[in-house]
PDB file of N, CA and C in Angstrom:
ATOM      1  N   MET A   1       0.784  -1.199   0.049  1.00  0.00           N
ATOM      2  CA  MET A   1      -0.155  -0.014   0.023  1.00  0.00           C
ATOM      3  C   MET A   1       0.906   1.186  -0.076  1.00  0.00           C
ATOM      4  N   ILE A   2       0.478   2.185  -0.856  1.00  0.00           N
ATOM      5  CA  ILE A   2       1.246   3.493  -0.996  1.00  0.00           C
ATOM      6  C   ILE A   2       0.610   4.411  -0.119  1.00  0.00           C
ATOM      7  N   SER A   3      -0.620   4.683  -0.185  1.00  0.00           N
ATOM      8  CA  SER A   3      -1.341   5.710   0.546  1.00  0.00           C
ATOM      9  C   SER A   3      -2.708   5.369   0.839  1.00  0.00           C
ATOM     10  N   TYR A   4      -3.303   6.106   1.816  1.00  0.00           N
ATOM     11  CA  TYR A   4      -4.644   5.848   2.097  1.00  0.00           C
ATOM     12  C   TYR A   4      -5.388   7.077   2.370  1.00  0.00           C
ATOM     13  N   PHE A   5      -6.537   7.332   1.755  1.00  0.00           N
ATOM     14  CA  PHE A   5      -7.300   8.533   2.023  1.00  0.00           C
ATOM     15  C   PHE A   5      -8.664   8.373   2.496  1.00  0.00           C
ATOM     16  N   TRP A   6      -9.313   9.343   3.153  1.00  0.00           N
ATOM     17  CA  TRP A   6     -10.599   9.378   3.517  1.00  0.00           C
ATOM     18  C   TRP A   6     -11.351  10.177   2.486  1.00  0.00           C
ATOM     19  N   GLY A   7     -12.637   9.692   2.041  1.00  0.00           N
ATOM     20  CA  GLY A   7     -13.300  10.461   1.235  1.00  0.00           C
ATOM     21  C   GLY A   7     -14.425  11.238   1.943  1.00  0.00           C
ATOM     22  N   LEU A   8     -14.285  12.388   2.425  1.00  0.00           N
ATOM     23  CA  LEU A   8     -15.040  13.187   3.330  1.00  0.00           C
ATOM     24  C   LEU A   8     -16.558  13.328   2.750  1.00  0.00           C
ATOM     25  N   ALA A   9     -16.607  13.539   1.614  1.00  0.00           N
ATOM     26  CA  ALA A   9     -17.779  14.152   0.776  1.00  0.00           C
ATOM     27  C   ALA A   9     -18.713  12.894   0.550  1.00  0.00           C
ATOM     28  N   ASP A  10     -18.037  11.618   0.211  1.00  0.00           N
ATOM     29  CA  ASP A  10     -18.919  10.508  -0.306  1.00  0.00           C
ATOM     30  C   ASP A  10     -18.725   9.360   0.756  1.00  0.00           C
ATOM     31  N   GLY A  11     -17.892   9.418   1.759  1.00  0.00           N
ATOM     32  CA  GLY A  11     -17.902   8.432   2.874  1.00  0.00           C
ATOM     33  C   GLY A  11     -17.013   7.007   2.532  1.00  0.00           C
ATOM     34  N   ASN A  12     -16.425   7.252   1.347  1.00  0.00           N
ATOM     35  CA  ASN A  12     -15.715   6.280   0.873  1.00  0.00           C
ATOM     36  C   ASN A  12     -14.123   6.401   1.264  1.00  0.00           C
ATOM     37  N   ASN A  13     -13.421   5.276   1.341  1.00  0.00           N
ATOM     38  CA  ASN A  13     -11.948   5.278   1.667  1.00  0.00           C
ATOM     39  C   ASN A  13     -11.208   4.871   0.261  1.00  0.00           C
ATOM     40  N   TYR A  14     -10.106   5.509   0.164  1.00  0.00           N
ATOM     41  CA  TYR A  14      -9.415   5.220  -1.092  1.00  0.00           C
ATOM     42  C   TYR A  14      -7.859   4.961  -0.907  1.00  0.00           C
ATOM     43  N   ILE A  15      -7.391   3.878  -1.346  1.00  0.00           N
ATOM     44  CA  ILE A  15      -6.062   3.531  -1.297  1.00  0.00           C
ATOM     45  C   ILE A  15      -5.412   3.442  -2.562  1.00  0.00           C
ATOM     46  N   THR A  16      -3.997   3.735  -2.601  1.00  0.00           N
ATOM     47  CA  THR A  16      -3.312   3.547  -3.592  1.00  0.00           C
ATOM     48  C   THR A  16      -2.214   2.439  -3.407  1.00  0.00           C
ATOM     49  N   VAL A  17      -2.116   1.527  -4.169  1.00  0.00           N
ATOM     50  CA  VAL A  17      -1.274   0.228  -4.036  1.00  0.00           C
ATOM     51  C   VAL A  17      -0.461   0.049  -5.377  1.00  0.00           C
ATOM     52  N   ARG A  18       0.776  -0.548  -5.241  1.00  0.00           N
ATOM     53  CA  ARG A  18       1.509  -0.950  -6.425  1.00  0.00           C
ATOM     54  C   ARG A  18       1.390  -2.482  -6.601  1.00  0.00           C
ATOM     55  N   LEU A  19       0.873  -2.888  -7.768  1.00  0.00           N
ATOM     56  CA  LEU A  19       0.637  -4.411  -8.061  1.00  0.00           C
ATOM     57  C   LEU A  19       1.592  -4.852  -9.145  1.00  0.00           C
ATOM     58  N   PRO A  20       1.974  -6.044  -9.090  1.00  0.00           N
ATOM     59  CA  PRO A  20       2.802  -6.496 -10.177  1.00  0.00           C
ATOM     60  C   PRO A  20       1.916  -6.443 -11.565  1.00  0.00           C
ATOM     61  N   ASP A  21       2.700  -6.245 -12.536  1.00  0.00           N
ATOM     62  CA  ASP A  21       2.207  -6.090 -13.965  1.00  0.00           C
ATOM     63  C   ASP A  21       1.687  -7.560 -14.378  1.00  0.00           C
ATOM     64  N   ASP A  22       0.779  -8.149 -13.660  1.00  0.00           N
ATOM     65  CA  ASP A  22       0.415  -9.674 -13.988  1.00  0.00           C
ATOM     66  C   ASP A  22      -1.132  -9.685 -13.753  1.00  0.00           C
ATOM     67  N   PRO A  23      -1.831  -9.597 -15.016  1.00  0.00           N
ATOM     68  CA  PRO A  23      -3.221  -9.522 -15.013  1.00  0.00           C
ATOM     69  C   PRO A  23      -3.960 -10.610 -14.062  1.00  0.00           C
ATOM     70  N   HIS A  24      -3.285 -11.916 -13.876  1.00  0.00           N
ATOM     71  CA  HIS A  24      -3.873 -13.071 -13.196  1.00  0.00           C
ATOM     72  C   HIS A  24      -3.756 -12.669 -11.745  1.00  0.00           C
ATOM     73  N   MET A  25      -2.535 -12.114 -11.269  1.00  0.00           N
ATOM     74  CA  MET A  25      -2.458 -11.657  -9.897  1.00  0.00           C
ATOM     75  C   MET A  25      -3.432 -10.638  -9.504  1.00  0.00           C
ATOM     76  N   ILE A  26      -3.695  -9.617 -10.391  1.00  0.00           N
ATOM     77  CA  ILE A  26      -4.690  -8.636 -10.115  1.00  0.00           C
ATOM     78  C   ILE A  26      -6.144  -9.179  -9.918  1.00  0.00           C
ATOM     79  N   GLN A  27      -6.512 -10.096 -10.880  1.00  0.00           N
ATOM     80  CA  GLN A  27      -7.795 -10.785 -10.857  1.00  0.00           C
ATOM     81  C   GLN A  27      -7.928 -11.551  -9.696  1.00  0.00           C
ATOM     82  N   ALA A  28      -6.859 -12.330  -9.227  1.00  0.00           N
ATOM     83  CA  ALA A  28      -6.956 -13.113  -7.963  1.00  0.00           C
ATOM     84  C   ALA A  28      -7.074 -12.295  -6.832  1.00  0.00           C
ATOM     85  N   LEU A  29      -6.332 -11.069  -6.779  1.00  0.00           N
ATOM     86  CA  LEU A  29      -6.432 -10.208  -5.618  1.00  0.00           C
ATOM     87  C   LEU A  29      -7.990  -9.615  -5.428  1.00  0.00           C
ATOM     88  N   TYR A  30      -8.419  -9.120  -6.625  1.00  0.00           N
ATOM     89  CA  TYR A  30      -9.854  -8.591  -6.598  1.00  0.00           C
ATOM     90  C   TYR A  30     -10.635  -9.577  -6.201  1.00  0.00           C
ATOM     91  N   LEU A  31     -10.669 -10.897  -6.640  1.00  0.00           N
ATOM     92  CA  LEU A  31     -11.771 -11.931  -6.329  1.00  0.00           C
ATOM     93  C   LEU A  31     -11.623 -12.235  -4.721  1.00  0.00           C
ATOM     94  N   SER A  32     -10.305 -12.226  -4.418  1.00  0.00           N
ATOM     95  CA  SER A  32     -10.145 -12.810  -2.907  1.00  0.00           C
ATOM     96  C   SER A  32     -10.714 -11.779  -1.888  1.00  0.00           C
ATOM     97  N   ARG A  33     -10.431 -10.426  -2.124  1.00  0.00           N
ATOM     98  CA  ARG A  33     -10.928  -9.434  -1.324  1.00  0.00           C
ATOM     99  C   ARG A  33     -12.590  -9.606  -1.192  1.00  0.00           C
ATOM    100  N   LEU A  34     -13.073  -9.572  -2.356  1.00  0.00           N
ATOM    101  CA  LEU A  34     -14.580  -9.639  -2.412  1.00  0.00           C
ATOM    102  C   LEU A  34     -15.099 -10.860  -1.654  1.00  0.00           C
ATOM    103  N   SER A  35     -14.565 -12.030  -2.050  1.00  0.00           N
ATOM    104  CA  SER A  35     -15.138 -13.397  -1.408  1.00  0.00           C
ATOM    105  C   SER A  35     -14.852 -13.396   0.121  1.00  0.00           C
ATOM    106  N   GLN A  36     -13.860 -12.730   0.598  1.00  0.00           N
ATOM    107  CA  GLN A  36     -13.524 -12.902   1.991  1.00  0.00           C
ATOM    108  C   GLN A  36     -14.518 -11.836   2.831  1.00  0.00           C
ATOM    109  N   GLY A  37     -15.214 -11.040   2.125  1.00  0.00           N
ATOM    110  CA  GLY A  37     -16.121 -10.023   2.879  1.00  0.00           C
ATOM    111  C   GLY A  37     -15.366  -8.841   3.414  1.00  0.00           C
ATOM    112  N   VAL A  38     -14.166  -8.646   3.073  1.00  0.00           N
ATOM    113  CA  VAL A  38     -13.370  -7.571   3.431  1.00  0.00           C
ATOM    114  C   VAL A  38     -13.940  -6.315   2.850  1.00  0.00           C
ATOM    115  N   LEU A  39     -14.484  -6.283   1.785  1.00  0.00           N
ATOM    116  CA  LEU A  39     -14.907  -5.155   0.944  1.00  0.00           C
ATOM    117  C   LEU A  39     -16.429  -5.575   0.306  1.00  0.00           C
ATOM    118  N   LYS A  40     -17.271  -4.572   0.227  1.00  0.00           N
ATOM    119  CA  LYS A  40     -18.607  -4.927  -0.387  1.00  0.00           C
ATOM    120  C   LYS A  40     -18.298  -4.791  -1.938  1.00  0.00           C
ATOM    121  N   ASP A  41     -17.422  -3.752  -2.359  1.00  0.00           N
ATOM    122  CA  ASP A  41     -17.193  -3.572  -3.715  1.00  0.00           C
ATOM    123  C   ASP A  41     -15.981  -2.579  -4.013  1.00  0.00           C
ATOM    124  N   TYR A  42     -15.333  -2.650  -4.953  1.00  0.00           N
ATOM    125  CA  TYR A  42     -14.186  -1.560  -5.179  1.00  0.00           C
ATOM    126  C   TYR A  42     -13.860  -1.785  -6.633  1.00  0.00           C
ATOM    127  N   THR A  43     -13.041  -0.648  -6.926  1.00  0.00           N
ATOM    128  CA  THR A  43     -12.814  -0.439  -8.373  1.00  0.00           C
ATOM    129  C   THR A  43     -11.298  -0.149  -8.441  1.00  0.00           C
ATOM    130  N   PHE A  44     -10.640  -0.947  -9.504  1.00  0.00           N
ATOM    131  CA  PHE A  44      -9.264  -0.683  -9.870  1.00  0.00           C
ATOM    132  C   PHE A  44      -9.226   0.430 -10.862  1.00  0.00           C
ATOM    133  N   ILE A  45      -8.483   1.372 -10.545  1.00  0.00           N
ATOM    134  CA  ILE A  45      -8.024   2.505 -11.537  1.00  0.00           C
ATOM    135  C   ILE A  45      -6.673   2.460 -11.772  1.00  0.00           C
ATOM    136  N   GLU A  46      -6.239   2.213 -13.022  1.00  0.00           N
ATOM    137  CA  GLU A  46      -4.810   2.350 -13.308  1.00  0.00           C
ATOM    138  C   GLU A  46      -4.269   3.786 -13.304  1.00  0.00           C
ATOM    139  N   LEU A  47      -3.272   4.219 -12.554  1.00  0.00           N
ATOM    140  CA  LEU A  47      -2.700   5.464 -12.554  1.00  0.00           C
ATOM    141  C   LEU A  47      -1.405   5.497 -13.249  1.00  0.00           C
ATOM    142  N   MET A  48      -1.170   6.491 -14.026  1.00  0.00           N
ATOM    143  CA  MET A  48       0.031   6.477 -14.667  1.00  0.00           C
ATOM    144  C   MET A  48       0.711   8.003 -14.464  1.00  0.00           C
ATOM    145  N   THR A  49       1.988   7.875 -14.520  1.00  0.00           N
ATOM    146  CA  THR A  49       2.809   9.236 -14.361  1.00  0.00           C
ATOM    147  C   THR A  49       2.781   9.991 -15.658  1.00  0.00           C
ATOM    148  N   SER A  50       3.154  11.207 -15.610  1.00  0.00           N
ATOM    149  CA  SER A  50       3.177  11.871 -17.002  1.00  0.00           C
ATOM    150  C   SER A  50       4.179  11.196 -17.866  1.00  0.00           C
ATOM    151  N   ALA A  51       5.314  10.820 -17.315  1.00  0.00           N
ATOM    152  CA  ALA A  51       6.341  10.256 -18.147  1.00  0.00           C
ATOM    153  C   ALA A  51       5.752   8.772 -18.677  1.00  0.00           C
ATOM    154  N   ASP A  52       5.051   8.109 -18.029  1.00  0.00           N
ATOM    155  CA  ASP A  52       4.468   6.740 -18.594  1.00  0.00           C
ATOM    156  C   ASP A  52       3.413   7.202 -19.556  1.00  0.00           C
ATOM    157  N   MET A  53       2.624   8.054 -19.458  1.00  0.00           N
ATOM    158  CA  MET A  53       1.704   8.439 -20.322  1.00  0.00           C
ATOM    159  C   MET A  53       2.310   8.924 -21.759  1.00  0.00           C
ATOM    160  N   VAL A  54       3.429   9.752 -21.650  1.00  0.00           N
ATOM    161  CA  VAL A  54       4.069  10.022 -22.864  1.00  0.00           C
ATOM    162  C   VAL A  54       4.649   8.819 -23.631  1.00  0.00           C
ATOM    163  N   ASP A  55       5.158   7.876 -22.870  1.00  0.00           N
ATOM    164  CA  ASP A  55       5.588   6.532 -23.579  1.00  0.00           C
ATOM    165  C   ASP A  55       4.402   5.828 -24.101  1.00  0.00           C
ATOM    166  N   ALA A  56       3.471   5.807 -23.408  1.00  0.00           N
ATOM    167  CA  ALA A  56       2.170   5.127 -23.814  1.00  0.00           C
ATOM    168  C   ALA A  56       1.642   5.677 -25.182  1.00  0.00           C
ATOM    169  N   LEU A  57       1.651   7.026 -25.269  1.00  0.00           N
ATOM    170  CA  LEU A  57       1.266   7.636 -26.486  1.00  0.00           C
ATOM    171  C   LEU A  57       2.059   7.457 -27.604  1.00  0.00           C
ATOM    172  N   LYS A  58       3.332   7.293 -27.367  1.00  0.00           N
ATOM    173  CA  LYS A  58       4.326   7.064 -28.580  1.00  0.00           C
ATOM    174  C   LYS A  58       3.885   5.716 -29.240  1.00  0.00           C
ATOM    175  N   ARG A  59       3.318   4.768 -28.473  1.00  0.00           N
ATOM    176  CA  ARG A  59       3.066   3.545 -29.144  1.00  0.00           C
ATOM    177  C   ARG A  59       1.726   3.360 -29.646  1.00  0.00           C
ATOM    178  N   VAL A  60       0.871   4.406 -29.567  1.00  0.00           N
ATOM    179  CA  VAL A  60      -0.471   4.429 -30.164  1.00  0.00           C
ATOM    180  C   VAL A  60      -0.555   5.136 -31.481  1.00  0.00           C
ATOM    181  N   PRO A  61      -0.967   4.507 -32.512  1.00  0.00           N
ATOM    182  CA  PRO A  61      -1.028   5.167 -33.917  1.00  0.00           C
ATOM    183  C   PRO A  61      -1.570   6.612 -33.803  1.00  0.00           C
ATOM    184  N   GLU A  62      -1.457   7.506 -34.684  1.00  0.00           N
ATOM    185  CA  GLU A  62      -2.162   8.673 -34.668  1.00  0.00           C
ATOM    186  C   GLU A  62      -3.614   8.551 -34.699  1.00  0.00           C
ATOM    187  N   VAL A  63      -4.218   9.234 -33.785  1.00  0.00           N
ATOM    188  CA  VAL A  63      -5.809   9.192 -33.723  1.00  0.00           C
ATOM    189  C   VAL A  63      -6.306  10.466 -34.383  1.00  0.00           C
ATOM    190  N   THR A  64      -7.257  10.129 -35.250  1.00  0.00           N
ATOM    191  CA  THR A  64      -7.923  11.227 -35.914  1.00  0.00           C
ATOM    192  C   THR A  64      -9.457  11.043 -35.707  1.00  0.00           C
ATOM    193  N   ALA A  65     -10.122  12.136 -35.639  1.00  0.00           N
ATOM    194  CA  ALA A  65     -11.580  12.256 -35.494  1.00  0.00           C
ATOM    195  C   ALA A  65     -12.135  11.720 -36.686  1.00  0.00           C
ATOM    196  N   PRO A  66     -13.359  10.889 -36.645  1.00  0.00           N
ATOM    197  CA  PRO A  66     -14.022  10.317 -37.793  1.00  0.00           C
ATOM    198  C   PRO A  66     -14.571  11.570 -38.796  1.00  0.00           C
ATOM    199  N   VAL A  67     -14.438  11.479 -40.061  1.00  0.00           N
ATOM    200  CA  VAL A  67     -14.924  12.481 -40.925  1.00  0.00           C
ATOM    201  C   VAL A  67     -16.471  12.168 -41.125  1.00  0.00           C
ATOM    202  N   GLU A  68     -17.237  13.208 -40.902  1.00  0.00           N
ATOM    203  CA  GLU A  68     -18.814  13.084 -40.927  1.00  0.00           C
ATOM    204  C   GLU A  68     -19.309  13.718 -42.107  1.00  0.00           C
TER     205      GLU A  68
END
């Protein structure tokens, strides 16, 4: 776990964690937490640094808006 936040406006709690880059591990973690009753539900949101985003965008072909 990297950090823990209290959501005062919505009553939710938020944590940031670093997980291995392994989809099977992430799925197992998600399912184990729900099945143990630790959490009612939760959402994984992948966060990227600005540098990581620049690298990711370099790998994406040029995106253009569809012509109507």
